[in-house]
Structure formats: C-alpha cells, structure tokens
Amino acid sequence: MSCGACPKQDNDFSMRWRLIKHFVTAHVPGHGKIWQNRFWEHLVRDEEDYRRHLDYIHINPVKHGLAARPEDWPHSSFGHYRDKGWYEPGWGAALPDFVGDFGE
C-alpha cells in the first residue's frame, strides 16, 4: 500500500485509523457520533476477494434500507463497475446469500 503522506513501510493500520478518526472528530464538531466502535483490517488476497468486498460494499445500502437497488444509492461506485461488465443488470435487487458476512 502506498500513500503519499505515509512513511514507507507504514503498515500500522490501527494507529493510522486512530489518528484519522481523532483528526476528523476534532474538526467536525456538532455531528454527534460519526464512527463505528470497531473496524477490522483485511489484506485483499486476490481478484475474487476484491470482488466479494465490492459486492459487500455495493449491497450495504440495500441491506440497511437506504436504497431499493445498489444503483439507486447516489454515493456508490456500483454504476462504474456495472458499466465495466462486472455486474449483470438487476444485480442486488434481491439480497444475495452472502449478506451478513465480513464480521457483522
């Protein structure tokens, strides 16, 4: 992983997220709780693993009742990947079996 502002060989994800959360919380006053209590780090192993994570990200607004279909969520990258042919038309209209994976 490379990040222009991160020191080389910086793999301390927990510390990085702690600092990001602290900075954002200090600079976004009055918005109440904006962070979940936990997070988990995961190194994406291969393209199949990458696609599973994309599926999870794209179905989350549907799972949580924020959109009827992934393409209805305005902040999603779903349309980009659908246009690349990674998703069939209508994908996500019904919740896939994997929903609930990833430690939830």
PDB file of N, CA and C in Angstrom:
ATOM      1  N   MET A   1       0.846  -1.171   0.000  1.00  0.00           N
ATOM      2  CA  MET A   1       0.000   0.000   0.000  1.00  0.00           C
ATOM      3  C   MET A   1       0.886   1.226   0.000  1.00  0.00           C
ATOM      4  N   SER A   2       0.538   2.182  -0.794  1.00  0.00           N
ATOM      5  CA  SER A   2       1.325   3.393  -0.850  1.00  0.00           C
ATOM      6  C   SER A   2       0.424   4.587  -0.598  1.00  0.00           C
ATOM      7  N   CYS A   3       0.932   5.504   0.143  1.00  0.00           N
ATOM      8  CA  CYS A   3       0.189   6.716   0.445  1.00  0.00           C
ATOM      9  C   CYS A   3       1.201   7.843   0.482  1.00  0.00           C
ATOM     10  N   GLY A   4       0.973   8.899  -0.281  1.00  0.00           N
ATOM     11  CA  GLY A   4       1.940   9.974  -0.398  1.00  0.00           C
ATOM     12  C   GLY A   4       2.361  10.581   0.928  1.00  0.00           C
ATOM     13  N   ALA A   5       1.469  10.648   1.905  1.00  0.00           N
ATOM     14  CA  ALA A   5       1.790  11.273   3.179  1.00  0.00           C
ATOM     15  C   ALA A   5       2.253  10.276   4.234  1.00  0.00           C
ATOM     16  N   CYS A   6       2.218   8.982   3.922  1.00  0.00           N
ATOM     17  CA  CYS A   6       2.575   7.960   4.903  1.00  0.00           C
ATOM     18  C   CYS A   6       4.042   7.594   4.773  1.00  0.00           C
ATOM     19  N   PRO A   7       4.694   7.334   5.898  1.00  0.00           N
ATOM     20  CA  PRO A   7       6.082   6.870   5.823  1.00  0.00           C
ATOM     21  C   PRO A   7       6.167   5.530   5.099  1.00  0.00           C
ATOM     22  N   LYS A   8       7.288   5.282   4.441  1.00  0.00           N
ATOM     23  CA  LYS A   8       7.480   3.988   3.778  1.00  0.00           C
ATOM     24  C   LYS A   8       7.398   2.876   4.818  1.00  0.00           C
ATOM     25  N   GLN A   9       6.876   1.752   4.407  1.00  0.00           N
ATOM     26  CA  GLN A   9       6.719   0.571   5.260  1.00  0.00           C
ATOM     27  C   GLN A   9       5.773   0.820   6.437  1.00  0.00           C
ATOM     28  N   ASP A  10       4.870   1.793   6.311  1.00  0.00           N
ATOM     29  CA  ASP A  10       3.903   2.067   7.370  1.00  0.00           C
ATOM     30  C   ASP A  10       2.739   1.097   7.223  1.00  0.00           C
ATOM     31  N   ASN A  11       2.728   0.071   8.049  1.00  0.00           N
ATOM     32  CA  ASN A  11       1.673  -0.936   7.998  1.00  0.00           C
ATOM     33  C   ASN A  11       0.846  -0.970   9.274  1.00  0.00           C
ATOM     34  N   ASP A  12       0.960   0.051  10.097  1.00  0.00           N
ATOM     35  CA  ASP A  12       0.215   0.081  11.351  1.00  0.00           C
ATOM     36  C   ASP A  12      -1.163   0.681  11.097  1.00  0.00           C
ATOM     37  N   PHE A  13      -2.060  -0.140  10.539  1.00  0.00           N
ATOM     38  CA  PHE A  13      -3.384   0.327  10.154  1.00  0.00           C
ATOM     39  C   PHE A  13      -4.200   0.802  11.358  1.00  0.00           C
ATOM     40  N   SER A  14      -4.064   0.116  12.481  1.00  0.00           N
ATOM     41  CA  SER A  14      -4.813   0.519  13.667  1.00  0.00           C
ATOM     42  C   SER A  14      -4.434   1.927  14.094  1.00  0.00           C
ATOM     43  N   MET A  15      -3.152   2.212  14.124  1.00  0.00           N
ATOM     44  CA  MET A  15      -2.707   3.557  14.502  1.00  0.00           C
ATOM     45  C   MET A  15      -3.163   4.578  13.473  1.00  0.00           C
ATOM     46  N   ARG A  16      -3.049   4.241  12.201  1.00  0.00           N
ATOM     47  CA  ARG A  16      -3.461   5.170  11.145  1.00  0.00           C
ATOM     48  C   ARG A  16      -4.939   5.524  11.302  1.00  0.00           C
ATOM     49  N   TRP A  17      -5.799   4.510  11.510  1.00  0.00           N
ATOM     50  CA  TRP A  17      -7.225   4.778  11.665  1.00  0.00           C
ATOM     51  C   TRP A  17      -7.527   5.552  12.943  1.00  0.00           C
ATOM     52  N   ARG A  18      -6.787   5.260  14.023  1.00  0.00           N
ATOM     53  CA  ARG A  18      -6.983   6.007  15.260  1.00  0.00           C
ATOM     54  C   ARG A  18      -6.694   7.481  15.022  1.00  0.00           C
ATOM     55  N   LEU A  19      -5.607   7.785  14.312  1.00  0.00           N
ATOM     56  CA  LEU A  19      -5.245   9.177  14.036  1.00  0.00           C
ATOM     57  C   LEU A  19      -6.246   9.848  13.094  1.00  0.00           C
ATOM     58  N   ILE A  20      -6.702   9.119  12.086  1.00  0.00           N
ATOM     59  CA  ILE A  20      -7.704   9.680  11.162  1.00  0.00           C
ATOM     60  C   ILE A  20      -8.986  10.005  11.921  1.00  0.00           C
ATOM     61  N   LYS A  21      -9.462   9.067  12.739  1.00  0.00           N
ATOM     62  CA  LYS A  21     -10.690   9.288  13.498  1.00  0.00           C
ATOM     63  C   LYS A  21     -10.535  10.468  14.458  1.00  0.00           C
ATOM     64  N   HIS A  22      -9.404  10.545  15.120  1.00  0.00           N
ATOM     65  CA  HIS A  22      -9.161  11.647  16.042  1.00  0.00           C
ATOM     66  C   HIS A  22      -9.177  12.982  15.302  1.00  0.00           C
ATOM     67  N   PHE A  23      -8.492  13.063  14.181  1.00  0.00           N
ATOM     68  CA  PHE A  23      -8.426  14.307  13.409  1.00  0.00           C
ATOM     69  C   PHE A  23      -9.811  14.723  12.911  1.00  0.00           C
ATOM     70  N   VAL A  24     -10.535  13.788  12.300  1.00  0.00           N
ATOM     71  CA  VAL A  24     -11.852  14.118  11.741  1.00  0.00           C
ATOM     72  C   VAL A  24     -12.811  14.521  12.862  1.00  0.00           C
ATOM     73  N   THR A  25     -12.818  13.777  13.967  1.00  0.00           N
ATOM     74  CA  THR A  25     -13.706  14.093  15.081  1.00  0.00           C
ATOM     75  C   THR A  25     -13.411  15.485  15.631  1.00  0.00           C
ATOM     76  N   ALA A  26     -12.143  15.846  15.705  1.00  0.00           N
ATOM     77  CA  ALA A  26     -11.764  17.165  16.220  1.00  0.00           C
ATOM     78  C   ALA A  26     -12.167  18.289  15.280  1.00  0.00           C
ATOM     79  N   HIS A  27     -12.301  17.996  13.999  1.00  0.00           N
ATOM     80  CA  HIS A  27     -12.578  19.034  13.008  1.00  0.00           C
ATOM     81  C   HIS A  27     -14.001  19.009  12.460  1.00  0.00           C
ATOM     82  N   VAL A  28     -14.855  18.120  12.959  1.00  0.00           N
ATOM     83  CA  VAL A  28     -16.248  18.062  12.536  1.00  0.00           C
ATOM     84  C   VAL A  28     -17.113  18.145  13.796  1.00  0.00           C
ATOM     85  N   PRO A  29     -17.182  19.337  14.387  1.00  0.00           N
ATOM     86  CA  PRO A  29     -17.934  19.464  15.641  1.00  0.00           C
ATOM     87  C   PRO A  29     -19.441  19.416  15.414  1.00  0.00           C
ATOM     88  N   GLY A  30     -20.149  18.995  16.454  1.00  0.00           N
ATOM     89  CA  GLY A  30     -21.599  19.062  16.454  1.00  0.00           C
ATOM     90  C   GLY A  30     -22.306  18.021  15.620  1.00  0.00           C
ATOM     91  N   HIS A  31     -21.630  17.005  15.169  1.00  0.00           N
ATOM     92  CA  HIS A  31     -22.277  15.987  14.338  1.00  0.00           C
ATOM     93  C   HIS A  31     -22.522  14.696  15.091  1.00  0.00           C
ATOM     94  N   GLY A  32     -22.310  14.708  16.395  1.00  0.00           N
ATOM     95  CA  GLY A  32     -22.559  13.504  17.173  1.00  0.00           C
ATOM     96  C   GLY A  32     -21.587  12.403  16.822  1.00  0.00           C
ATOM     97  N   LYS A  33     -22.003  11.197  17.047  1.00  0.00           N
ATOM     98  CA  LYS A  33     -21.129  10.053  16.778  1.00  0.00           C
ATOM     99  C   LYS A  33     -21.066   9.800  15.280  1.00  0.00           C
ATOM    100  N   ILE A  34     -19.863   9.796  14.726  1.00  0.00           N
ATOM    101  CA  ILE A  34     -19.707   9.572  13.282  1.00  0.00           C
ATOM    102  C   ILE A  34     -18.921   8.308  12.970  1.00  0.00           C
ATOM    103  N   TRP A  35     -18.376   7.644  13.986  1.00  0.00           N
ATOM    104  CA  TRP A  35     -17.559   6.459  13.741  1.00  0.00           C
ATOM    105  C   TRP A  35     -18.183   5.242  14.398  1.00  0.00           C
ATOM    106  N   GLN A  36     -18.061   4.107  13.761  1.00  0.00           N
ATOM    107  CA  GLN A  36     -18.447   2.868  14.416  1.00  0.00           C
ATOM    108  C   GLN A  36     -17.413   2.558  15.494  1.00  0.00           C
ATOM    109  N   ASN A  37     -17.778   1.734  16.451  1.00  0.00           N
ATOM    110  CA  ASN A  37     -16.884   1.438  17.566  1.00  0.00           C
ATOM    111  C   ASN A  37     -15.705   0.560  17.173  1.00  0.00           C
ATOM    112  N   ARG A  38     -15.859  -0.200  16.158  1.00  0.00           N
ATOM    113  CA  ARG A  38     -14.798  -1.140  15.790  1.00  0.00           C
ATOM    114  C   ARG A  38     -14.529  -1.058  14.292  1.00  0.00           C
ATOM    115  N   PHE A  39     -13.437  -1.622  13.896  1.00  0.00           N
ATOM    116  CA  PHE A  39     -13.145  -1.824  12.489  1.00  0.00           C
ATOM    117  C   PHE A  39     -12.271  -3.060  12.412  1.00  0.00           C
ATOM    118  N   TRP A  40     -12.151  -3.597  11.245  1.00  0.00           N
ATOM    119  CA  TRP A  40     -11.245  -4.718  11.057  1.00  0.00           C
ATOM    120  C   TRP A  40     -10.460  -4.463   9.795  1.00  0.00           C
ATOM    121  N   GLU A  41      -9.204  -4.859   9.839  1.00  0.00           N
ATOM    122  CA  GLU A  41      -8.365  -4.683   8.664  1.00  0.00           C
ATOM    123  C   GLU A  41      -8.286  -6.008   7.921  1.00  0.00           C
ATOM    124  N   HIS A  42      -8.107  -5.908   6.633  1.00  0.00           N
ATOM    125  CA  HIS A  42      -8.060  -7.107   5.806  1.00  0.00           C
ATOM    126  C   HIS A  42      -7.217  -6.813   4.578  1.00  0.00           C
ATOM    127  N   LEU A  43      -6.265  -7.637   4.299  1.00  0.00           N
ATOM    128  CA  LEU A  43      -5.473  -7.523   3.094  1.00  0.00           C
ATOM    129  C   LEU A  43      -6.210  -8.279   1.993  1.00  0.00           C
ATOM    130  N   VAL A  44      -6.586  -7.594   0.941  1.00  0.00           N
ATOM    131  CA  VAL A  44      -7.292  -8.241  -0.167  1.00  0.00           C
ATOM    132  C   VAL A  44      -6.309  -9.197  -0.836  1.00  0.00           C
ATOM    133  N   ARG A  45      -6.700 -10.473  -0.919  1.00  0.00           N
ATOM    134  CA  ARG A  45      -5.790 -11.527  -1.349  1.00  0.00           C
ATOM    135  C   ARG A  45      -5.699 -11.704  -2.857  1.00  0.00           C
ATOM    136  N   ASP A  46      -6.815 -11.528  -3.542  1.00  0.00           N
ATOM    137  CA  ASP A  46      -6.824 -11.778  -4.979  1.00  0.00           C
ATOM    138  C   ASP A  46      -8.057 -11.111  -5.586  1.00  0.00           C
ATOM    139  N   GLU A  47      -8.262 -11.277  -6.887  1.00  0.00           N
ATOM    140  CA  GLU A  47      -9.390 -10.610  -7.537  1.00  0.00           C
ATOM    141  C   GLU A  47     -10.732 -11.109  -7.009  1.00  0.00           C
ATOM    142  N   GLU A  48     -10.834 -12.390  -6.713  1.00  0.00           N
ATOM    143  CA  GLU A  48     -12.093 -12.926  -6.167  1.00  0.00           C
ATOM    144  C   GLU A  48     -12.419 -12.262  -4.828  1.00  0.00           C
ATOM    145  N   ASP A  49     -11.424 -12.117  -3.985  1.00  0.00           N
ATOM    146  CA  ASP A  49     -11.612 -11.474  -2.690  1.00  0.00           C
ATOM    147  C   ASP A  49     -11.993 -10.002  -2.891  1.00  0.00           C
ATOM    148  N   TYR A  50     -11.357  -9.336  -3.830  1.00  0.00           N
ATOM    149  CA  TYR A  50     -11.675  -7.938  -4.160  1.00  0.00           C
ATOM    150  C   TYR A  50     -13.139  -7.807  -4.581  1.00  0.00           C
ATOM    151  N   ARG A  51     -13.572  -8.712  -5.439  1.00  0.00           N
ATOM    152  CA  ARG A  51     -14.960  -8.659  -5.912  1.00  0.00           C
ATOM    153  C   ARG A  51     -15.959  -8.937  -4.796  1.00  0.00           C
ATOM    154  N   ARG A  52     -15.634  -9.848  -3.896  1.00  0.00           N
ATOM    155  CA  ARG A  52     -16.517 -10.111  -2.745  1.00  0.00           C
ATOM    156  C   ARG A  52     -16.671  -8.857  -1.891  1.00  0.00           C
ATOM    157  N   HIS A  53     -15.586  -8.131  -1.712  1.00  0.00           N
ATOM    158  CA  HIS A  53     -15.655  -6.896  -0.935  1.00  0.00           C
ATOM    159  C   HIS A  53     -16.471  -5.835  -1.673  1.00  0.00           C
ATOM    160  N   LEU A  54     -16.300  -5.752  -2.988  1.00  0.00           N
ATOM    161  CA  LEU A  54     -17.135  -4.818  -3.757  1.00  0.00           C
ATOM    162  C   LEU A  54     -18.608  -5.179  -3.633  1.00  0.00           C
ATOM    163  N   ASP A  55     -18.917  -6.462  -3.722  1.00  0.00           N
ATOM    164  CA  ASP A  55     -20.314  -6.898  -3.561  1.00  0.00           C
ATOM    165  C   ASP A  55     -20.853  -6.433  -2.211  1.00  0.00           C
ATOM    166  N   TYR A  56     -20.077  -6.651  -1.177  1.00  0.00           N
ATOM    167  CA  TYR A  56     -20.490  -6.278   0.171  1.00  0.00           C
ATOM    168  C   TYR A  56     -20.738  -4.766   0.275  1.00  0.00           C
ATOM    169  N   ILE A  57     -19.822  -3.984  -0.280  1.00  0.00           N
ATOM    170  CA  ILE A  57     -19.956  -2.525  -0.250  1.00  0.00           C
ATOM    171  C   ILE A  57     -21.184  -2.081  -1.040  1.00  0.00           C
ATOM    172  N   HIS A  58     -21.373  -2.672  -2.217  1.00  0.00           N
ATOM    173  CA  HIS A  58     -22.479  -2.250  -3.081  1.00  0.00           C
ATOM    174  C   HIS A  58     -23.846  -2.672  -2.545  1.00  0.00           C
ATOM    175  N   ILE A  59     -23.919  -3.767  -1.814  1.00  0.00           N
ATOM    176  CA  ILE A  59     -25.224  -4.225  -1.319  1.00  0.00           C
ATOM    177  C   ILE A  59     -25.591  -3.573   0.018  1.00  0.00           C
ATOM    178  N   ASN A  60     -24.636  -2.977   0.709  1.00  0.00           N
ATOM    179  CA  ASN A  60     -24.907  -2.413   2.030  1.00  0.00           C
ATOM    180  C   ASN A  60     -26.039  -1.395   2.066  1.00  0.00           C
ATOM    181  N   PRO A  61     -26.134  -0.450   1.130  1.00  0.00           N
ATOM    182  CA  PRO A  61     -27.279   0.489   1.189  1.00  0.00           C
ATOM    183  C   PRO A  61     -28.630  -0.216   1.050  1.00  0.00           C
ATOM    184  N   VAL A  62     -28.665  -1.313   0.298  1.00  0.00           N
ATOM    185  CA  VAL A  62     -29.891  -2.092   0.153  1.00  0.00           C
ATOM    186  C   VAL A  62     -30.177  -2.825   1.458  1.00  0.00           C
ATOM    187  N   LYS A  63     -29.157  -3.458   1.994  1.00  0.00           N
ATOM    188  CA  LYS A  63     -29.281  -4.218   3.239  1.00  0.00           C
ATOM    189  C   LYS A  63     -29.812  -3.348   4.378  1.00  0.00           C
ATOM    190  N   HIS A  64     -29.384  -2.098   4.415  1.00  0.00           N
ATOM    191  CA  HIS A  64     -29.764  -1.211   5.515  1.00  0.00           C
ATOM    192  C   HIS A  64     -30.956  -0.312   5.187  1.00  0.00           C
ATOM    193  N   GLY A  65     -31.641  -0.603   4.067  1.00  0.00           N
ATOM    194  CA  GLY A  65     -32.864   0.104   3.728  1.00  0.00           C
ATOM    195  C   GLY A  65     -32.674   1.525   3.216  1.00  0.00           C
ATOM    196  N   LEU A  66     -31.476   1.854   2.761  1.00  0.00           N
ATOM    197  CA  LEU A  66     -31.199   3.201   2.256  1.00  0.00           C
ATOM    198  C   LEU A  66     -31.484   3.329   0.768  1.00  0.00           C
ATOM    199  N   ALA A  67     -31.587   2.193   0.086  1.00  0.00           N
ATOM    200  CA  ALA A  67     -31.872   2.185  -1.350  1.00  0.00           C
ATOM    201  C   ALA A  67     -32.541   0.859  -1.692  1.00  0.00           C
ATOM    202  N   ALA A  68     -33.347   0.871  -2.743  1.00  0.00           N
ATOM    203  CA  ALA A  68     -34.011  -0.361  -3.175  1.00  0.00           C
ATOM    204  C   ALA A  68     -33.062  -1.250  -3.972  1.00  0.00           C
ATOM    205  N   ARG A  69     -32.156  -0.626  -4.693  1.00  0.00           N
ATOM    206  CA  ARG A  69     -31.176  -1.350  -5.519  1.00  0.00           C
ATOM    207  C   ARG A  69     -29.827  -0.647  -5.387  1.00  0.00           C
ATOM    208  N   PRO A  70     -28.712  -1.343  -5.586  1.00  0.00           N
ATOM    209  CA  PRO A  70     -27.403  -0.689  -5.466  1.00  0.00           C
ATOM    210  C   PRO A  70     -27.261   0.555  -6.344  1.00  0.00           C
ATOM    211  N   GLU A  71     -27.811   0.526  -7.555  1.00  0.00           N
ATOM    212  CA  GLU A  71     -27.662   1.688  -8.443  1.00  0.00           C
ATOM    213  C   GLU A  71     -28.473   2.894  -7.988  1.00  0.00           C
ATOM    214  N   ASP A  72     -29.389   2.700  -7.039  1.00  0.00           N
ATOM    215  CA  ASP A  72     -30.179   3.811  -6.520  1.00  0.00           C
ATOM    216  C   ASP A  72     -29.430   4.627  -5.460  1.00  0.00           C
ATOM    217  N   TRP A  73     -28.358   4.084  -4.920  1.00  0.00           N
ATOM    218  CA  TRP A  73     -27.596   4.789  -3.887  1.00  0.00           C
ATOM    219  C   TRP A  73     -26.664   5.787  -4.579  1.00  0.00           C
ATOM    220  N   PRO A  74     -26.857   7.094  -4.345  1.00  0.00           N
ATOM    221  CA  PRO A  74     -26.132   8.106  -5.114  1.00  0.00           C
ATOM    222  C   PRO A  74     -24.631   8.168  -4.848  1.00  0.00           C
ATOM    223  N   HIS A  75     -24.157   7.586  -3.759  1.00  0.00           N
ATOM    224  CA  HIS A  75     -22.738   7.678  -3.398  1.00  0.00           C
ATOM    225  C   HIS A  75     -21.970   6.414  -3.767  1.00  0.00           C
ATOM    226  N   SER A  76     -22.561   5.571  -4.577  1.00  0.00           N
ATOM    227  CA  SER A  76     -21.996   4.260  -4.867  1.00  0.00           C
ATOM    228  C   SER A  76     -21.135   4.251  -6.129  1.00  0.00           C
ATOM    229  N   SER A  77     -20.166   3.359  -6.128  1.00  0.00           N
ATOM    230  CA  SER A  77     -19.360   3.108  -7.328  1.00  0.00           C
ATOM    231  C   SER A  77     -19.982   1.986  -8.164  1.00  0.00           C
ATOM    232  N   PHE A  78     -21.161   1.522  -7.761  1.00  0.00           N
ATOM    233  CA  PHE A  78     -21.790   0.393  -8.436  1.00  0.00           C
ATOM    234  C   PHE A  78     -21.931   0.615  -9.940  1.00  0.00           C
ATOM    235  N   GLY A  79     -22.412   1.782 -10.362  1.00  0.00           N
ATOM    236  CA  GLY A  79     -22.606   2.055 -11.787  1.00  0.00           C
ATOM    237  C   GLY A  79     -21.319   1.935 -12.579  1.00  0.00           C
ATOM    238  N   HIS A  80     -20.223   2.356 -11.985  1.00  0.00           N
ATOM    239  CA  HIS A  80     -18.917   2.239 -12.643  1.00  0.00           C
ATOM    240  C   HIS A  80     -18.589   0.778 -12.939  1.00  0.00           C
ATOM    241  N   TYR A  81     -18.761  -0.075 -11.938  1.00  0.00           N
ATOM    242  CA  TYR A  81     -18.441  -1.497 -12.117  1.00  0.00           C
ATOM    243  C   TYR A  81     -19.473  -2.206 -12.981  1.00  0.00           C
ATOM    244  N   ARG A  82     -20.729  -1.792 -12.910  1.00  0.00           N
ATOM    245  CA  ARG A  82     -21.756  -2.366 -13.792  1.00  0.00           C
ATOM    246  C   ARG A  82     -21.423  -2.039 -15.246  1.00  0.00           C
ATOM    247  N   ASP A  83     -21.027  -0.777 -15.496  1.00  0.00           N
ATOM    248  CA  ASP A  83     -20.683  -0.362 -16.859  1.00  0.00           C
ATOM    249  C   ASP A  83     -19.453  -1.095 -17.389  1.00  0.00           C
ATOM    250  N   LYS A  84     -18.577  -1.547 -16.474  1.00  0.00           N
ATOM    251  CA  LYS A  84     -17.404  -2.329 -16.872  1.00  0.00           C
ATOM    252  C   LYS A  84     -17.771  -3.793 -17.144  1.00  0.00           C
ATOM    253  N   GLY A  85     -19.019  -4.159 -16.848  1.00  0.00           N
ATOM    254  CA  GLY A  85     -19.463  -5.530 -17.072  1.00  0.00           C
ATOM    255  C   GLY A  85     -19.252  -6.452 -15.889  1.00  0.00           C
ATOM    256  N   TRP A  86     -18.931  -5.923 -14.727  1.00  0.00           N
ATOM    257  CA  TRP A  86     -18.695  -6.754 -13.553  1.00  0.00           C
ATOM    258  C   TRP A  86     -19.989  -7.210 -12.903  1.00  0.00           C
ATOM    259  N   TYR A  87     -21.096  -6.511 -13.186  1.00  0.00           N
ATOM    260  CA  TYR A  87     -22.392  -6.867 -12.616  1.00  0.00           C
ATOM    261  C   TYR A  87     -23.416  -6.987 -13.728  1.00  0.00           C
ATOM    262  N   GLU A  88     -24.273  -7.980 -13.599  1.00  0.00           N
ATOM    263  CA  GLU A  88     -25.383  -8.169 -14.525  1.00  0.00           C
ATOM    264  C   GLU A  88     -26.471  -7.149 -14.213  1.00  0.00           C
ATOM    265  N   PRO A  89     -27.260  -6.757 -15.210  1.00  0.00           N
ATOM    266  CA  PRO A  89     -28.394  -5.869 -14.924  1.00  0.00           C
ATOM    267  C   PRO A  89     -29.304  -6.496 -13.865  1.00  0.00           C
ATOM    268  N   GLY A  90     -29.722  -5.684 -12.914  1.00  0.00           N
ATOM    269  CA  GLY A  90     -30.610  -6.164 -11.864  1.00  0.00           C
ATOM    270  C   GLY A  90     -29.910  -6.764 -10.662  1.00  0.00           C
ATOM    271  N   TRP A  91     -28.556  -6.841 -10.690  1.00  0.00           N
ATOM    272  CA  TRP A  91     -27.853  -7.410  -9.547  1.00  0.00           C
ATOM    273  C   TRP A  91     -28.180  -6.607  -8.290  1.00  0.00           C
ATOM    274  N   GLY A  92     -28.467  -7.301  -7.221  1.00  0.00           N
ATOM    275  CA  GLY A  92     -28.702  -6.653  -5.942  1.00  0.00           C
ATOM    276  C   GLY A  92     -30.139  -6.267  -5.676  1.00  0.00           C
ATOM    277  N   ALA A  93     -31.036  -6.518  -6.638  1.00  0.00           N
ATOM    278  CA  ALA A  93     -32.454  -6.213  -6.392  1.00  0.00           C
ATOM    279  C   ALA A  93     -32.992  -7.112  -5.281  1.00  0.00           C
ATOM    280  N   ALA A  94     -32.468  -8.320  -5.184  1.00  0.00           N
ATOM    281  CA  ALA A  94     -32.760  -9.222  -4.070  1.00  0.00           C
ATOM    282  C   ALA A  94     -31.444  -9.405  -3.313  1.00  0.00           C
ATOM    283  N   LEU A  95     -31.499  -9.466  -1.995  1.00  0.00           N
ATOM    284  CA  LEU A  95     -30.271  -9.587  -1.218  1.00  0.00           C
ATOM    285  C   LEU A  95     -29.598 -10.928  -1.485  1.00  0.00           C
ATOM    286  N   PRO A  96     -28.321 -10.894  -1.868  1.00  0.00           N
ATOM    287  CA  PRO A  96     -27.586 -12.142  -2.087  1.00  0.00           C
ATOM    288  C   PRO A  96     -27.388 -12.914  -0.783  1.00  0.00           C
ATOM    289  N   ASP A  97     -27.050 -14.186  -0.903  1.00  0.00           N
ATOM    290  CA  ASP A  97     -26.867 -15.052   0.265  1.00  0.00           C
ATOM    291  C   ASP A  97     -25.733 -14.592   1.171  1.00  0.00           C
ATOM    292  N   PHE A  98     -24.711 -13.926   0.611  1.00  0.00           N
ATOM    293  CA  PHE A  98     -23.543 -13.581   1.408  1.00  0.00           C
ATOM    294  C   PHE A  98     -23.781 -12.429   2.378  1.00  0.00           C
ATOM    295  N   VAL A  99     -24.888 -11.713   2.259  1.00  0.00           N
ATOM    296  CA  VAL A  99     -25.124 -10.567   3.118  1.00  0.00           C
ATOM    297  C   VAL A  99     -25.046 -11.004   4.575  1.00  0.00           C
ATOM    298  N   GLY A 100     -24.277 -10.263   5.335  1.00  0.00           N
ATOM    299  CA  GLY A 100     -24.049 -10.610   6.727  1.00  0.00           C
ATOM    300  C   GLY A 100     -22.657 -11.132   6.960  1.00  0.00           C
ATOM    301  N   ASP A 101     -21.912 -11.393   5.900  1.00  0.00           N
ATOM    302  CA  ASP A 101     -20.522 -11.817   6.033  1.00  0.00           C
ATOM    303  C   ASP A 101     -19.678 -10.630   6.492  1.00  0.00           C
ATOM    304  N   PHE A 102     -18.401 -10.833   6.563  1.00  0.00           N
ATOM    305  CA  PHE A 102     -17.433  -9.794   6.904  1.00  0.00           C
ATOM    306  C   PHE A 102     -17.561  -9.351   8.357  1.00  0.00           C
ATOM    307  N   GLY A 103     -17.838 -10.271   9.234  1.00  0.00           N
ATOM    308  CA  GLY A 103     -17.782  -9.977  10.651  1.00  0.00           C
ATOM    309  C   GLY A 103     -18.971  -9.256  11.247  1.00  0.00           C
ATOM    310  N   GLU A 104     -20.066  -9.135  10.521  1.00  0.00           N
ATOM    311  CA  GLU A 104     -21.229  -8.452  11.099  1.00  0.00           C
ATOM    312  C   GLU A 104     -22.087  -9.437  11.851  1.00  0.00           C
TER     313      GLU A 104
END
